[in-house]
Amino acid sequence: MGSSNRKGYLSECCDLHGSNCLETLMHISIRWLSLERCLTRILQLFGPLTSYFKSLNEKQPRFCRLGETFSNPISEVYLLFYQATLPAFTTLNLLLQREQPSIYLLHAEMVKFIQKLCSKFLKPEVLRTLNVHEYPYKDSSKQLPGAKINVGFTTRATLNRLLSAGDVTTHQADVFQQAAQGFLVQAVEYAIAKLPFREPLLQHAKFVDPKQRSDCDVQDGLYFVSRFPELLPFHGPQEHDQLSEEFLDYQLMDIPMPDPATLDIEGFWGVMSSLK
């Protein structure tokens, strides 16, 4: 069947399901952010695509694999889980790709990322009492039971609906929940291993953000003096005392809090440097 014929047949399947005939999108591996859009588009067309592959008389192995996948109702549940989970990755990815200086945000956002993933499958008391580096995320006794894992509201509702209708079995549901938990555990393991949580520069850079200045102290500023002595030649006791006084002044200043989305941190510190 030619490409134009396939498109026409898919359009008929969309009409049959009362859906708009949207163009299918292709994920490009070097553009990671396209994954969420492509996944959403597949879910928008899930019904028509299911009918399309069921009716298509193609012998090519890839079409046969797609036919088997779309014919299995549990496939939609897996896709919905990924759709519910990907925004956590996308948010951090977008921060890392920002053109504006964002180093002062990185440590807190990386911690939030791990907390967000762990909150989906760890018991709440674990998150309340421990640092992210101490989360026993591999300890099954600290994990939520499968039925309570946060796989997304729509995912859980769809799974329950399919179970009630007899379209998926209890075994399939259990396998899905184990797979979802395994995905989250591996994601946390990879993130903790690869993200620079323990980099002191990121931990001490928070004071650059005026909103976080009250949570910092002069040792954060002195860290940069120690690490970059050529750029910040403030080495004597008197200079350290002066830096401490200026840091306290900065903490006590009445600074209107700008919207974080529009904060020009370079402009802010340009104005600060001009103050006497």
C-alpha atoms as a PDB file:
ATOM      1  CA  MET A   1       0.000   0.000   0.000  1.00  0.00           C
ATOM      2  CA  GLY A   2       1.443   3.374  -1.002  1.00  0.00           C
ATOM      3  CA  SER A   3       2.066   6.244   1.406  1.00  0.00           C
ATOM      4  CA  SER A   4      -0.835   8.332   0.058  1.00  0.00           C
ATOM      5  CA  ASN A   5      -3.174   5.346   0.332  1.00  0.00           C
ATOM      6  CA  ARG A   6      -2.091   4.759   3.930  1.00  0.00           C
ATOM      7  CA  LYS A   7      -2.786   8.400   4.806  1.00  0.00           C
ATOM      8  CA  GLY A   8      -6.196   8.177   3.196  1.00  0.00           C
ATOM      9  CA  TYR A   9      -7.010   5.004   5.103  1.00  0.00           C
ATOM     10  CA  LEU A  10      -5.864   6.578   8.386  1.00  0.00           C
ATOM     11  CA  SER A  11      -8.097   9.551   7.627  1.00  0.00           C
ATOM     12  CA  GLU A  12     -11.051   7.170   7.252  1.00  0.00           C
ATOM     13  CA  CYS A  13     -10.196   5.586  10.610  1.00  0.00           C
ATOM     14  CA  CYS A  14     -10.128   9.045  12.201  1.00  0.00           C
ATOM     15  CA  ASP A  15     -13.570   9.794  10.752  1.00  0.00           C
ATOM     16  CA  LEU A  16     -14.821   6.472  12.109  1.00  0.00           C
ATOM     17  CA  HIS A  17     -13.658   7.433  15.620  1.00  0.00           C
ATOM     18  CA  GLY A  18     -14.844  11.043  15.314  1.00  0.00           C
ATOM     19  CA  SER A  19     -11.282  12.312  15.646  1.00  0.00           C
ATOM     20  CA  ASN A  20      -9.412  15.020  13.795  1.00  0.00           C
ATOM     21  CA  CYS A  21      -6.960  13.563  11.336  1.00  0.00           C
ATOM     22  CA  LEU A  22      -3.724  14.885  12.809  1.00  0.00           C
ATOM     23  CA  GLU A  23      -0.334  14.316  11.280  1.00  0.00           C
ATOM     24  CA  THR A  24       1.744  11.697  13.081  1.00  0.00           C
ATOM     25  CA  LEU A  25       5.016  13.086  14.438  1.00  0.00           C
ATOM     26  CA  MET A  26       8.416  11.434  14.400  1.00  0.00           C
ATOM     27  CA  HIS A  27      10.679  11.638  17.433  1.00  0.00           C
ATOM     28  CA  ILE A  28      14.267  12.638  16.663  1.00  0.00           C
ATOM     29  CA  SER A  29      16.707  11.153  19.163  1.00  0.00           C
ATOM     30  CA  ILE A  30      18.990  14.207  19.171  1.00  0.00           C
ATOM     31  CA  ARG A  31      16.022  16.454  20.013  1.00  0.00           C
ATOM     32  CA  TRP A  32      14.936  14.923  23.308  1.00  0.00           C
ATOM     33  CA  LEU A  33      12.180  17.472  23.894  1.00  0.00           C
ATOM     34  CA  SER A  34      10.285  16.209  20.852  1.00  0.00           C
ATOM     35  CA  LEU A  35       9.492  12.959  22.679  1.00  0.00           C
ATOM     36  CA  GLU A  36       6.680  14.408  24.781  1.00  0.00           C
ATOM     37  CA  ARG A  37       4.977  15.999  21.762  1.00  0.00           C
ATOM     38  CA  CYS A  38       5.211  12.801  19.724  1.00  0.00           C
ATOM     39  CA  LEU A  39       3.841  10.751  22.601  1.00  0.00           C
ATOM     40  CA  THR A  40       0.895  13.103  23.058  1.00  0.00           C
ATOM     41  CA  ARG A  41       0.115  12.919  19.342  1.00  0.00           C
ATOM     42  CA  ILE A  42       0.111   9.093  19.403  1.00  0.00           C
ATOM     43  CA  LEU A  43      -2.329   9.146  22.318  1.00  0.00           C
ATOM     44  CA  GLN A  44      -4.564  11.607  20.462  1.00  0.00           C
ATOM     45  CA  LEU A  45      -4.676   9.146  17.565  1.00  0.00           C
ATOM     46  CA  PHE A  46      -4.633   5.953  19.623  1.00  0.00           C
ATOM     47  CA  GLY A  47      -8.162   4.825  18.673  1.00  0.00           C
ATOM     48  CA  PRO A  48      -7.785   5.501  14.933  1.00  0.00           C
ATOM     49  CA  LEU A  49      -4.299   3.964  14.881  1.00  0.00           C
ATOM     50  CA  THR A  50      -5.619   0.851  16.610  1.00  0.00           C
ATOM     51  CA  SER A  51      -8.310   0.434  13.943  1.00  0.00           C
ATOM     52  CA  TYR A  52      -5.804   1.249  11.214  1.00  0.00           C
ATOM     53  CA  PHE A  53      -3.284  -1.438  12.185  1.00  0.00           C
ATOM     54  CA  LYS A  54      -5.970  -4.021  12.928  1.00  0.00           C
ATOM     55  CA  SER A  55      -7.416  -3.625   9.443  1.00  0.00           C
ATOM     56  CA  LEU A  56      -4.167  -3.241   7.554  1.00  0.00           C
ATOM     57  CA  ASN A  57      -3.150  -6.314   5.601  1.00  0.00           C
ATOM     58  CA  GLU A  58       0.605  -5.767   5.677  1.00  0.00           C
ATOM     59  CA  LYS A  59       3.242  -8.470   6.022  1.00  0.00           C
ATOM     60  CA  GLN A  60       6.204  -6.252   6.887  1.00  0.00           C
ATOM     61  CA  PRO A  61       7.567  -7.133  10.362  1.00  0.00           C
ATOM     62  CA  ARG A  62       7.377  -3.546  11.644  1.00  0.00           C
ATOM     63  CA  PHE A  63       3.704  -3.278  10.690  1.00  0.00           C
ATOM     64  CA  CYS A  64       3.027  -6.614  12.365  1.00  0.00           C
ATOM     65  CA  ARG A  65       4.741  -5.401  15.551  1.00  0.00           C
ATOM     66  CA  LEU A  66       2.765  -2.176  15.518  1.00  0.00           C
ATOM     67  CA  GLY A  67      -0.437  -4.106  14.919  1.00  0.00           C
ATOM     68  CA  GLU A  68       0.228  -6.319  17.936  1.00  0.00           C
ATOM     69  CA  THR A  69       1.117  -3.318  20.104  1.00  0.00           C
ATOM     70  CA  PHE A  70      -1.945  -1.245  19.248  1.00  0.00           C
ATOM     71  CA  SER A  71      -4.208  -4.282  19.519  1.00  0.00           C
ATOM     72  CA  ASN A  72      -3.173  -4.768  23.137  1.00  0.00           C
ATOM     73  CA  PRO A  73      -5.199  -2.403  25.390  1.00  0.00           C
ATOM     74  CA  ILE A  74      -2.433  -2.282  28.001  1.00  0.00           C
ATOM     75  CA  SER A  75      -0.261  -0.401  25.484  1.00  0.00           C
ATOM     76  CA  GLU A  76      -2.349   2.734  26.013  1.00  0.00           C
ATOM     77  CA  VAL A  77      -1.714   2.508  29.763  1.00  0.00           C
ATOM     78  CA  TYR A  78       2.057   2.409  29.241  1.00  0.00           C
ATOM     79  CA  LEU A  79       1.885   5.405  26.908  1.00  0.00           C
ATOM     80  CA  LEU A  80      -0.243   7.350  29.383  1.00  0.00           C
ATOM     81  CA  PHE A  81       2.281   6.602  32.126  1.00  0.00           C
ATOM     82  CA  TYR A  82       5.110   7.997  30.022  1.00  0.00           C
ATOM     83  CA  GLN A  83       3.009  11.048  29.170  1.00  0.00           C
ATOM     84  CA  ALA A  84       2.379  11.665  32.890  1.00  0.00           C
ATOM     85  CA  THR A  85       6.054  11.177  33.809  1.00  0.00           C
ATOM     86  CA  LEU A  86       7.903  13.025  31.043  1.00  0.00           C
ATOM     87  CA  PRO A  87       7.060  16.597  32.199  1.00  0.00           C
ATOM     88  CA  ALA A  88       9.360  16.170  35.215  1.00  0.00           C
ATOM     89  CA  PHE A  89      12.255  15.429  32.839  1.00  0.00           C
ATOM     90  CA  THR A  90      11.229  18.157  30.401  1.00  0.00           C
ATOM     91  CA  THR A  91      11.160  20.862  33.090  1.00  0.00           C
ATOM     92  CA  LEU A  92      14.750  20.155  34.153  1.00  0.00           C
ATOM     93  CA  ASN A  93      15.867  19.725  30.550  1.00  0.00           C
ATOM     94  CA  LEU A  94      14.472  23.142  29.617  1.00  0.00           C
ATOM     95  CA  LEU A  95      16.295  24.747  32.552  1.00  0.00           C
ATOM     96  CA  LEU A  96      19.577  23.191  31.430  1.00  0.00           C
ATOM     97  CA  GLN A  97      19.024  24.563  27.916  1.00  0.00           C
ATOM     98  CA  ARG A  98      18.157  28.118  28.988  1.00  0.00           C
ATOM     99  CA  GLU A  99      20.238  30.887  27.458  1.00  0.00           C
ATOM    100  CA  GLN A 100      19.929  33.042  30.589  1.00  0.00           C
ATOM    101  CA  PRO A 101      22.349  32.431  33.486  1.00  0.00           C
ATOM    102  CA  SER A 102      20.720  29.799  35.687  1.00  0.00           C
ATOM    103  CA  ILE A 103      23.529  28.314  37.742  1.00  0.00           C
ATOM    104  CA  TYR A 104      22.022  29.688  40.958  1.00  0.00           C
ATOM    105  CA  LEU A 105      18.861  27.624  40.303  1.00  0.00           C
ATOM    106  CA  LEU A 106      20.450  24.316  39.404  1.00  0.00           C
ATOM    107  CA  HIS A 107      21.005  22.719  42.805  1.00  0.00           C
ATOM    108  CA  ALA A 108      17.480  23.399  44.069  1.00  0.00           C
ATOM    109  CA  GLU A 109      15.914  22.294  40.780  1.00  0.00           C
ATOM    110  CA  MET A 110      17.918  19.057  40.703  1.00  0.00           C
ATOM    111  CA  VAL A 111      16.765  18.294  44.249  1.00  0.00           C
ATOM    112  CA  LYS A 112      13.147  19.024  43.249  1.00  0.00           C
ATOM    113  CA  PHE A 113      13.534  16.706  40.262  1.00  0.00           C
ATOM    114  CA  ILE A 114      14.640  13.785  42.439  1.00  0.00           C
ATOM    115  CA  GLN A 115      11.946  14.537  45.009  1.00  0.00           C
ATOM    116  CA  LYS A 116       9.294  14.645  42.315  1.00  0.00           C
ATOM    117  CA  LEU A 117      10.315  11.258  40.916  1.00  0.00           C
ATOM    118  CA  CYS A 118      10.632   9.672  44.351  1.00  0.00           C
ATOM    119  CA  SER A 119       7.265  11.031  45.484  1.00  0.00           C
ATOM    120  CA  LYS A 120       5.657   8.841  42.842  1.00  0.00           C
ATOM    121  CA  PHE A 121       6.768   5.565  44.422  1.00  0.00           C
ATOM    122  CA  LEU A 122       8.261   6.155  47.893  1.00  0.00           C
ATOM    123  CA  LYS A 123       6.303   6.414  51.125  1.00  0.00           C
ATOM    124  CA  PRO A 124       5.757  10.045  52.229  1.00  0.00           C
ATOM    125  CA  GLU A 125       7.565   9.632  55.576  1.00  0.00           C
ATOM    126  CA  VAL A 126      10.766   8.790  53.702  1.00  0.00           C
ATOM    127  CA  LEU A 127      10.623  12.058  51.786  1.00  0.00           C
ATOM    128  CA  ARG A 128       9.883  14.094  54.916  1.00  0.00           C
ATOM    129  CA  THR A 129      12.770  12.865  57.043  1.00  0.00           C
ATOM    130  CA  LEU A 130      15.714  12.243  54.707  1.00  0.00           C
ATOM    131  CA  ASN A 131      17.983  14.133  52.332  1.00  0.00           C
ATOM    132  CA  VAL A 132      17.730  13.143  48.661  1.00  0.00           C
ATOM    133  CA  HIS A 133      21.128  11.421  48.869  1.00  0.00           C
ATOM    134  CA  GLU A 134      19.778   9.279  51.678  1.00  0.00           C
ATOM    135  CA  TYR A 135      16.542   8.154  50.022  1.00  0.00           C
ATOM    136  CA  PRO A 136      16.373   4.331  50.213  1.00  0.00           C
ATOM    137  CA  TYR A 137      14.648   4.270  46.839  1.00  0.00           C
ATOM    138  CA  LYS A 138      15.696   0.670  46.142  1.00  0.00           C
ATOM    139  CA  ASP A 139      14.342  -0.615  49.462  1.00  0.00           C
ATOM    140  CA  SER A 140      11.041  -2.340  48.700  1.00  0.00           C
ATOM    141  CA  SER A 141       9.878  -1.829  52.302  1.00  0.00           C
ATOM    142  CA  LYS A 142      10.044   1.953  51.732  1.00  0.00           C
ATOM    143  CA  GLN A 143       8.191   1.825  48.410  1.00  0.00           C
ATOM    144  CA  LEU A 144       4.463   2.226  47.893  1.00  0.00           C
ATOM    145  CA  PRO A 145       2.455  -0.844  46.879  1.00  0.00           C
ATOM    146  CA  GLY A 146       1.814  -1.100  43.157  1.00  0.00           C
ATOM    147  CA  ALA A 147      -1.795   0.076  43.360  1.00  0.00           C
ATOM    148  CA  LYS A 148      -0.692   3.305  45.110  1.00  0.00           C
ATOM    149  CA  ILE A 149       2.175   4.291  42.814  1.00  0.00           C
ATOM    150  CA  ASN A 150       1.496   7.677  41.255  1.00  0.00           C
ATOM    151  CA  VAL A 151       1.349   6.743  37.574  1.00  0.00           C
ATOM    152  CA  GLY A 152      -0.837   9.740  36.693  1.00  0.00           C
ATOM    153  CA  PHE A 153      -4.571  10.249  37.224  1.00  0.00           C
ATOM    154  CA  THR A 154      -5.556   9.460  33.624  1.00  0.00           C
ATOM    155  CA  THR A 155      -3.252   6.424  33.586  1.00  0.00           C
ATOM    156  CA  ARG A 156      -4.776   4.997  36.754  1.00  0.00           C
ATOM    157  CA  ALA A 157      -8.344   5.744  35.617  1.00  0.00           C
ATOM    158  CA  THR A 158      -7.723   4.075  32.247  1.00  0.00           C
ATOM    159  CA  LEU A 159      -6.158   1.020  33.905  1.00  0.00           C
ATOM    160  CA  ASN A 160      -9.121   0.669  36.296  1.00  0.00           C
ATOM    161  CA  ARG A 161     -11.573   1.049  33.413  1.00  0.00           C
ATOM    162  CA  LEU A 162      -9.840  -1.632  31.357  1.00  0.00           C
ATOM    163  CA  LEU A 163      -9.697  -3.941  34.369  1.00  0.00           C
ATOM    164  CA  SER A 164     -13.410  -3.474  35.045  1.00  0.00           C
ATOM    165  CA  ALA A 165     -14.240  -4.147  31.404  1.00  0.00           C
ATOM    166  CA  GLY A 166     -12.066  -7.271  31.351  1.00  0.00           C
ATOM    167  CA  ASP A 167      -9.878  -5.855  28.576  1.00  0.00           C
ATOM    168  CA  VAL A 168      -6.727  -6.350  30.656  1.00  0.00           C
ATOM    169  CA  THR A 169      -6.006  -8.973  33.293  1.00  0.00           C
ATOM    170  CA  THR A 170      -4.895  -8.477  36.875  1.00  0.00           C
ATOM    171  CA  HIS A 171      -1.564 -10.029  35.899  1.00  0.00           C
ATOM    172  CA  GLN A 172      -1.085  -7.439  33.131  1.00  0.00           C
ATOM    173  CA  ALA A 173      -1.890  -4.664  35.599  1.00  0.00           C
ATOM    174  CA  ASP A 174       0.640  -6.037  38.092  1.00  0.00           C
ATOM    175  CA  VAL A 175       3.306  -6.305  35.393  1.00  0.00           C
ATOM    176  CA  PHE A 176       2.630  -2.698  34.355  1.00  0.00           C
ATOM    177  CA  GLN A 177       2.896  -1.430  37.931  1.00  0.00           C
ATOM    178  CA  GLN A 178       6.165  -3.310  38.445  1.00  0.00           C
ATOM    179  CA  ALA A 179       7.493  -1.870  35.180  1.00  0.00           C
ATOM    180  CA  ALA A 180       6.462   1.668  36.159  1.00  0.00           C
ATOM    181  CA  GLN A 181       8.181   1.309  39.519  1.00  0.00           C
ATOM    182  CA  GLY A 182      11.280  -0.136  37.863  1.00  0.00           C
ATOM    183  CA  PHE A 183      11.388   2.772  35.421  1.00  0.00           C
ATOM    184  CA  LEU A 184      11.201   5.320  38.248  1.00  0.00           C
ATOM    185  CA  VAL A 185      13.830   3.547  40.347  1.00  0.00           C
ATOM    186  CA  GLN A 186      16.258   3.398  37.421  1.00  0.00           C
ATOM    187  CA  ALA A 187      15.567   7.043  36.560  1.00  0.00           C
ATOM    188  CA  VAL A 188      16.408   8.114  40.124  1.00  0.00           C
ATOM    189  CA  GLU A 189      19.524   5.925  40.164  1.00  0.00           C
ATOM    190  CA  TYR A 190      20.761   7.402  36.881  1.00  0.00           C
ATOM    191  CA  ALA A 191      19.998  10.995  37.922  1.00  0.00           C
ATOM    192  CA  ILE A 192      21.796  10.692  41.265  1.00  0.00           C
ATOM    193  CA  ALA A 193      24.805   9.150  39.531  1.00  0.00           C
ATOM    194  CA  LYS A 194      25.009  11.734  36.731  1.00  0.00           C
ATOM    195  CA  LEU A 195      23.733  15.059  38.106  1.00  0.00           C
ATOM    196  CA  PRO A 196      26.320  17.172  40.008  1.00  0.00           C
ATOM    197  CA  PHE A 197      24.488  17.282  43.352  1.00  0.00           C
ATOM    198  CA  ARG A 198      27.707  17.406  45.352  1.00  0.00           C
ATOM    199  CA  GLU A 199      29.323  20.190  43.330  1.00  0.00           C
ATOM    200  CA  PRO A 200      29.963  22.902  45.970  1.00  0.00           C
ATOM    201  CA  LEU A 201      29.827  25.724  43.435  1.00  0.00           C
ATOM    202  CA  LEU A 202      26.160  24.957  42.726  1.00  0.00           C
ATOM    203  CA  GLN A 203      25.366  24.696  46.434  1.00  0.00           C
ATOM    204  CA  HIS A 204      26.998  28.051  47.225  1.00  0.00           C
ATOM    205  CA  ALA A 205      25.614  29.933  44.204  1.00  0.00           C
ATOM    206  CA  LYS A 206      22.094  30.255  45.616  1.00  0.00           C
ATOM    207  CA  PHE A 207      22.785  33.688  47.130  1.00  0.00           C
ATOM    208  CA  VAL A 208      22.918  35.132  43.608  1.00  0.00           C
ATOM    209  CA  ASP A 209      19.125  34.769  43.549  1.00  0.00           C
ATOM    210  CA  PRO A 210      17.611  37.615  45.639  1.00  0.00           C
ATOM    211  CA  LYS A 211      14.724  35.343  46.602  1.00  0.00           C
ATOM    212  CA  GLN A 212      17.115  32.869  48.225  1.00  0.00           C
ATOM    213  CA  ARG A 213      19.450  35.365  49.894  1.00  0.00           C
ATOM    214  CA  SER A 214      17.939  34.963  53.379  1.00  0.00           C
ATOM    215  CA  ASP A 215      18.728  31.216  53.269  1.00  0.00           C
ATOM    216  CA  CYS A 216      22.426  31.872  52.668  1.00  0.00           C
ATOM    217  CA  ASP A 217      25.317  33.330  54.648  1.00  0.00           C
ATOM    218  CA  VAL A 218      28.612  35.037  53.986  1.00  0.00           C
ATOM    219  CA  GLN A 219      30.389  31.667  53.704  1.00  0.00           C
ATOM    220  CA  ASP A 220      28.672  31.239  50.355  1.00  0.00           C
ATOM    221  CA  GLY A 221      30.302  34.438  49.106  1.00  0.00           C
ATOM    222  CA  LEU A 222      33.648  33.543  50.664  1.00  0.00           C
ATOM    223  CA  TYR A 223      33.585  30.199  48.848  1.00  0.00           C
ATOM    224  CA  PHE A 224      33.873  32.036  45.529  1.00  0.00           C
ATOM    225  CA  VAL A 225      36.660  34.239  46.906  1.00  0.00           C
ATOM    226  CA  SER A 226      38.559  31.092  47.845  1.00  0.00           C
ATOM    227  CA  ARG A 227      37.851  29.241  44.604  1.00  0.00           C
ATOM    228  CA  PHE A 228      38.561  32.139  42.224  1.00  0.00           C
ATOM    229  CA  PRO A 229      41.320  34.185  43.929  1.00  0.00           C
ATOM    230  CA  GLU A 230      42.483  35.780  40.667  1.00  0.00           C
ATOM    231  CA  LEU A 231      39.006  37.103  39.890  1.00  0.00           C
ATOM    232  CA  LEU A 232      38.087  38.000  43.485  1.00  0.00           C
ATOM    233  CA  PRO A 233      41.265  39.219  45.222  1.00  0.00           C
ATOM    234  CA  PHE A 234      39.715  39.787  48.660  1.00  0.00           C
ATOM    235  CA  HIS A 235      42.121  37.820  50.834  1.00  0.00           C
ATOM    236  CA  GLY A 236      42.866  39.877  53.930  1.00  0.00           C
ATOM    237  CA  PRO A 237      40.884  39.850  57.200  1.00  0.00           C
ATOM    238  CA  GLN A 238      39.702  43.434  56.682  1.00  0.00           C
ATOM    239  CA  GLU A 239      38.427  42.596  53.206  1.00  0.00           C
ATOM    240  CA  HIS A 240      36.604  39.553  54.577  1.00  0.00           C
ATOM    241  CA  ASP A 241      35.020  41.721  57.260  1.00  0.00           C
ATOM    242  CA  GLN A 242      33.914  44.234  54.638  1.00  0.00           C
ATOM    243  CA  LEU A 243      32.488  41.424  52.506  1.00  0.00           C
ATOM    244  CA  SER A 244      30.557  40.134  55.533  1.00  0.00           C
ATOM    245  CA  GLU A 245      29.058  43.585  56.139  1.00  0.00           C
ATOM    246  CA  GLU A 246      28.076  43.990  52.501  1.00  0.00           C
ATOM    247  CA  PHE A 247      26.549  40.520  52.454  1.00  0.00           C
ATOM    248  CA  LEU A 248      24.445  41.369  55.514  1.00  0.00           C
ATOM    249  CA  ASP A 249      23.363  44.624  53.867  1.00  0.00           C
ATOM    250  CA  TYR A 250      22.304  42.624  50.816  1.00  0.00           C
ATOM    251  CA  GLN A 251      20.244  40.277  52.987  1.00  0.00           C
ATOM    252  CA  LEU A 252      18.532  43.164  54.791  1.00  0.00           C
ATOM    253  CA  MET A 253      17.799  45.277  51.717  1.00  0.00           C
ATOM    254  CA  ASP A 254      14.189  45.838  50.720  1.00  0.00           C
ATOM    255  CA  ILE A 255      14.295  44.372  47.214  1.00  0.00           C
ATOM    256  CA  PRO A 256      11.058  44.076  45.199  1.00  0.00           C
ATOM    257  CA  MET A 257      10.776  40.443  44.191  1.00  0.00           C
ATOM    258  CA  PRO A 258      10.620  40.146  40.390  1.00  0.00           C
ATOM    259  CA  ASP A 259       8.835  37.353  38.594  1.00  0.00           C
ATOM    260  CA  PRO A 260      11.350  34.461  38.375  1.00  0.00           C
ATOM    261  CA  ALA A 261      10.291  33.883  34.761  1.00  0.00           C
ATOM    262  CA  THR A 262      11.335  37.397  33.777  1.00  0.00           C
ATOM    263  CA  LEU A 263      14.213  37.969  36.206  1.00  0.00           C
ATOM    264  CA  ASP A 264      17.287  39.349  34.432  1.00  0.00           C
ATOM    265  CA  ILE A 265      19.909  38.229  36.925  1.00  0.00           C
ATOM    266  CA  GLU A 266      22.769  39.935  35.070  1.00  0.00           C
ATOM    267  CA  GLY A 267      20.831  43.209  34.965  1.00  0.00           C
ATOM    268  CA  PHE A 268      19.947  42.873  38.650  1.00  0.00           C
ATOM    269  CA  TRP A 269      23.581  42.483  39.686  1.00  0.00           C
ATOM    270  CA  GLY A 270      24.618  45.261  37.307  1.00  0.00           C
ATOM    271  CA  VAL A 271      22.344  47.599  39.279  1.00  0.00           C
ATOM    272  CA  MET A 272      23.595  46.173  42.594  1.00  0.00           C
ATOM    273  CA  SER A 273      27.214  46.847  41.645  1.00  0.00           C
ATOM    274  CA  SER A 274      26.402  50.524  41.054  1.00  0.00           C
ATOM    275  CA  LEU A 275      24.976  51.036  44.541  1.00  0.00           C
ATOM    276  CA  LYS A 276      27.118  52.817  47.113  1.00  0.00           C
END
